[in-house]
Protein backbone atom coordinates (compact mmCIF):
# COMPACT_ATOMS: atom_id res chain seq x y z
CA MET A 1 -81.42 53.91 12.02
CA LYS A 2 -80.13 56.99 10.30
CA ALA A 3 -76.36 57.40 10.19
CA PRO A 4 -75.03 60.40 12.12
CA LYS A 5 -73.83 63.35 10.08
CA PRO A 6 -70.02 63.41 9.88
CA THR A 7 -68.57 66.35 11.79
CA ALA A 8 -65.18 67.63 12.86
CA PRO A 9 -64.07 66.49 16.34
CA ALA A 10 -65.54 68.65 19.11
CA ASP A 11 -62.06 69.29 20.56
CA ALA A 12 -60.57 70.52 17.25
CA PRO A 13 -58.88 73.93 17.51
CA ALA A 14 -60.82 76.97 16.29
CA GLY A 15 -60.44 77.46 12.54
CA THR A 16 -59.85 73.77 11.85
CA ARG A 17 -61.13 72.82 8.42
CA GLN A 18 -62.71 69.48 7.79
CA LEU A 19 -61.57 67.74 4.62
CA GLY A 20 -63.71 65.08 3.07
CA GLY A 21 -67.23 64.24 4.04
CA PRO A 22 -70.53 65.00 2.36
CA ILE A 23 -71.33 68.06 0.30
CA GLU A 24 -73.91 70.19 2.11
CA TRP A 25 -77.24 70.46 0.30
CA PHE A 26 -79.45 73.53 0.36
CA SER A 27 -82.23 72.57 -2.01
CA ALA A 28 -83.61 69.49 -3.66
CA SER A 29 -86.56 69.27 -5.97
CA LEU A 30 -88.41 66.80 -8.12
CA GLN A 31 -89.43 68.64 -11.28
CA VAL A 32 -91.57 67.72 -14.25
CA SER A 33 -91.47 70.20 -17.11
CA GLY A 34 -92.45 70.49 -20.74
CA ASP A 35 -93.49 73.09 -23.27
CA ASP A 36 -97.23 72.46 -22.91
CA LEU A 37 -97.18 70.58 -19.61
CA ASP A 38 -100.45 70.70 -17.67
CA PRO A 39 -99.41 70.68 -13.98
CA ASP A 40 -102.94 69.66 -12.94
CA ARG A 41 -102.56 66.45 -14.94
CA ILE A 42 -99.27 65.68 -13.16
CA THR A 43 -100.98 66.34 -9.81
CA ARG A 44 -103.72 63.83 -10.73
CA LEU A 45 -101.18 61.21 -11.84
CA LEU A 46 -98.94 61.60 -8.78
CA ALA A 47 -101.86 62.17 -6.37
CA ARG A 48 -99.88 64.94 -4.69
CA PRO A 49 -100.05 68.72 -5.08
CA PRO A 50 -96.88 70.52 -6.14
CA ASP A 51 -94.99 73.12 -4.13
CA HIS A 52 -94.70 75.10 -7.37
CA ALA A 53 -96.57 74.90 -10.67
CA GLN A 54 -96.74 77.00 -13.80
CA ARG A 55 -98.30 76.92 -17.26
CA ARG A 56 -96.75 78.29 -20.39
CA GLY A 57 -98.12 81.76 -21.11
CA VAL A 58 -99.97 82.13 -17.79
CA PRO A 59 -98.39 85.00 -15.81
CA LEU A 60 -96.89 84.27 -12.41
CA LEU A 61 -97.88 87.04 -10.05
CA ARG A 62 -96.13 88.72 -7.14
CA ALA A 63 -97.92 89.19 -3.80
CA ASP A 64 -99.00 92.68 -4.91
CA GLY A 65 -100.69 91.29 -8.05
CA SER A 66 -98.12 92.55 -10.53
CA THR A 67 -96.63 90.18 -13.09
CA GLN A 68 -93.40 88.56 -11.97
CA ARG A 69 -92.83 86.73 -15.25
CA ILE A 70 -94.60 84.83 -18.00
CA PRO A 71 -93.43 81.21 -18.18
CA ARG A 72 -92.23 79.78 -21.49
CA PHE A 73 -92.98 76.19 -20.38
CA GLY A 74 -95.19 74.26 -17.98
CA ALA A 75 -93.84 72.82 -14.74
CA TRP A 76 -94.76 70.86 -11.61
CA ALA A 77 -92.27 70.73 -8.73
CA ARG A 78 -91.93 69.31 -5.25
CA THR A 79 -89.12 70.89 -3.21
CA LEU A 80 -87.28 70.22 0.05
CA LYS A 81 -85.11 72.67 1.99
CA PRO A 82 -82.86 71.71 4.93
CA HIS A 83 -85.20 73.34 7.49
CA GLN A 84 -87.91 70.85 6.42
CA THR A 85 -85.94 67.74 7.37
CA ASP A 86 -83.04 66.67 9.54
CA GLU A 87 -81.73 64.46 6.72
CA TRP A 88 -78.20 65.37 5.64
CA ASP A 89 -77.43 62.65 3.08
CA VAL A 90 -78.21 63.71 -0.50
CA ALA A 91 -79.24 60.18 -1.54
CA GLN A 92 -81.73 60.02 1.34
CA VAL A 93 -83.05 63.49 0.47
CA ILE A 94 -83.76 62.25 -3.07
CA ARG A 95 -85.70 59.33 -1.61
CA LEU A 96 -87.69 61.77 0.54
CA LEU A 97 -88.77 63.68 -2.59
CA PHE A 98 -90.52 60.53 -3.82
CA GLU A 99 -92.10 59.68 -0.47
CA GLY A 100 -95.85 59.23 -0.82
CA LEU A 101 -95.74 59.22 -4.62
CA PRO A 102 -96.89 56.28 -6.76
CA THR A 103 -94.47 53.41 -7.24
CA GLU A 104 -96.07 51.91 -10.36
CA ALA A 105 -93.84 52.02 -13.44
CA ALA A 106 -96.86 52.76 -15.68
CA VAL A 107 -97.60 55.99 -13.79
CA TRP A 108 -94.02 57.22 -14.19
CA ALA A 109 -94.00 56.24 -17.87
CA GLU A 110 -97.12 58.37 -18.36
CA VAL A 111 -95.56 61.29 -16.46
CA ALA A 112 -92.40 60.98 -18.57
CA ALA A 113 -94.48 61.01 -21.76
CA LEU A 114 -95.88 64.40 -20.68
CA GLY A 115 -92.61 66.08 -19.67
CA GLY A 116 -89.04 65.63 -18.56
CA ILE A 117 -88.51 64.39 -15.00
CA ARG A 118 -85.54 65.85 -13.18
CA ILE A 119 -84.06 65.84 -9.71
CA SER A 120 -82.38 69.18 -9.11
CA LEU A 121 -79.89 69.38 -6.27
CA GLY A 122 -78.39 72.61 -4.96
CA LEU A 123 -75.11 71.72 -3.25
CA ASP A 124 -72.61 73.87 -1.35
CA MET A 125 -68.96 72.98 -0.79
CA PRO A 126 -67.85 74.91 2.28
CA ASP A 127 -64.41 73.28 1.98
CA THR A 128 -62.48 71.37 -0.64
CA ASN A 129 -62.49 67.61 -0.99
CA ARG A 130 -66.19 66.97 -0.37
CA ASP A 131 -68.14 64.19 -2.04
CA VAL A 132 -71.56 63.03 -3.04
CA HIS A 133 -72.44 59.53 -4.08
CA LEU A 134 -75.51 57.75 -5.37
CA ASP A 135 -75.78 54.04 -4.77
CA PRO A 136 -76.80 51.58 -7.51
CA GLU A 137 -80.20 50.97 -5.89
CA LEU A 138 -81.01 54.69 -6.00
CA MET A 139 -79.82 55.03 -9.59
CA ARG A 140 -82.01 52.07 -10.58
CA PHE A 141 -84.94 53.66 -8.70
CA LEU A 142 -84.46 56.94 -10.59
CA GLY A 143 -84.01 55.16 -13.92
CA GLU A 144 -87.30 53.31 -13.41
CA ARG A 145 -88.92 56.74 -13.01
CA HIS A 146 -87.17 58.20 -16.08
CA ALA A 147 -85.53 60.84 -13.86
CA TRP A 148 -82.41 62.85 -14.67
CA ILE A 149 -80.23 64.31 -11.94
CA TRP A 150 -79.05 67.90 -12.12
CA PHE A 151 -76.29 68.98 -9.73
CA ASP A 152 -75.87 72.71 -9.14
CA ILE A 153 -72.67 72.96 -7.06
CA TYR A 154 -71.43 76.13 -5.39
CA CYS A 155 -68.07 76.74 -3.77
CA ASP A 156 -66.46 79.90 -2.44
CA PRO A 157 -63.00 79.82 -4.07
CA GLU A 158 -61.61 82.24 -1.48
CA ASP A 159 -62.12 79.54 1.13
CA ASP A 160 -59.73 77.30 -0.81
CA ALA A 161 -56.75 79.68 -0.74
């Protein structure tokens, strides 16, 4: 059973700030990237289409057909946003990114030989004294998949006055 998300007491006075507890996440993605990465090859290896893919030198287009930008590297990415899941725990969100993907070490070694594997987490600290933790089992899981973790943490300093 999933643990309930920690929240401030319902009877707390208006304006009460909660100290401690988990950092809120707003994006999480599993990314594979490399200079000449072929995202179609990653799709074949992982047996799952990406939410975003790009090839070096192949223009990415806007809805109107104009060029948005020309990538300098290839990439394959699978992304989760909070509206796609009710999961609040960052460690569990990371596990969700790998759901349905191969578990064989040889597959991940081949993916890693083609490009860097990274978990990118967008985190928001609405208050001070928030935390995020990754348990040893998850770190071992990510290590077996040659995955780095990238934390992008935002905080509004005016809230901390």
